[in-house]
């Protein structure tokens, strides 16, 4: 599953047993509007909510 959603790490990565932190903003029709590789965990929810608000206003 992690490979299908772009969260798998390469086999030679020291953290290969752990998925990368990724999330997706998906609109009501099922279209992926944005993909995130999460590097700043505490800031990510705010970034996602800002993008969600922007989509709702568009």
Protein backbone atom coordinates (compact mmCIF):
# COMPACT_ATOMS: atom_id res chain seq x y z
CA UNK A 1 0.00 0.00 0.00
CA UNK A 2 2.78 2.42 0.86
CA UNK A 3 4.36 1.95 -2.58
CA UNK A 4 1.05 2.64 -4.30
CA UNK A 5 0.60 5.92 -2.44
CA UNK A 6 4.21 7.09 -2.72
CA UNK A 7 5.11 6.53 0.92
CA UNK A 8 7.52 3.62 0.53
CA UNK A 9 11.21 4.23 1.06
CA UNK A 10 13.90 2.61 -1.10
CA UNK A 11 15.22 -0.74 0.15
CA UNK A 12 18.67 0.77 0.78
CA UNK A 13 17.26 3.55 2.99
CA UNK A 14 18.24 3.05 6.67
CA UNK A 15 14.58 3.71 7.55
CA UNK A 16 13.20 1.39 4.84
CA UNK A 17 10.88 -0.30 7.35
CA UNK A 18 9.08 2.99 7.96
CA UNK A 19 6.80 4.78 5.51
CA UNK A 20 7.50 8.39 4.55
CA UNK A 21 5.00 10.90 5.89
CA UNK A 22 2.74 11.88 3.02
CA UNK A 23 -0.81 13.14 2.86
CA UNK A 24 -3.21 14.15 0.12
CA UNK A 25 -5.86 16.82 -0.23
CA UNK A 26 -8.73 15.18 -2.12
CA UNK A 27 -11.78 17.12 -3.30
CA UNK A 28 -15.37 15.83 -3.01
CA UNK A 29 -15.24 14.38 -6.54
CA UNK A 30 -12.20 12.26 -5.60
CA UNK A 31 -9.59 14.33 -7.44
CA UNK A 32 -6.22 14.68 -5.68
CA UNK A 33 -5.75 18.42 -5.49
CA UNK A 34 -2.40 18.39 -3.72
CA UNK A 35 0.13 15.90 -2.42
CA UNK A 36 2.31 16.71 0.56
CA UNK A 37 5.58 15.19 1.68
CA UNK A 38 5.34 16.14 5.32
CA UNK A 39 8.65 17.43 6.69
CA UNK A 40 7.38 19.84 9.35
CA UNK A 41 4.84 17.78 11.30
CA UNK A 42 3.57 20.54 13.63
CA UNK A 43 3.08 23.00 10.71
CA UNK A 44 1.40 20.53 8.36
CA UNK A 45 -2.20 20.80 9.66
CA UNK A 46 -2.15 24.58 9.22
CA UNK A 47 -0.75 24.28 5.70
CA UNK A 48 -3.42 21.75 4.79
CA UNK A 49 -6.23 23.86 6.25
CA UNK A 50 -4.98 26.95 4.37
CA UNK A 51 -5.02 24.99 1.11
CA UNK A 52 -8.49 23.62 1.88
CA UNK A 53 -9.82 27.14 2.52
CA UNK A 54 -8.26 28.35 -0.74
CA UNK A 55 -9.96 25.54 -2.67
CA UNK A 56 -13.32 26.34 -1.09
CA UNK A 57 -12.98 30.02 -2.09
CA UNK A 58 -12.01 29.20 -5.68
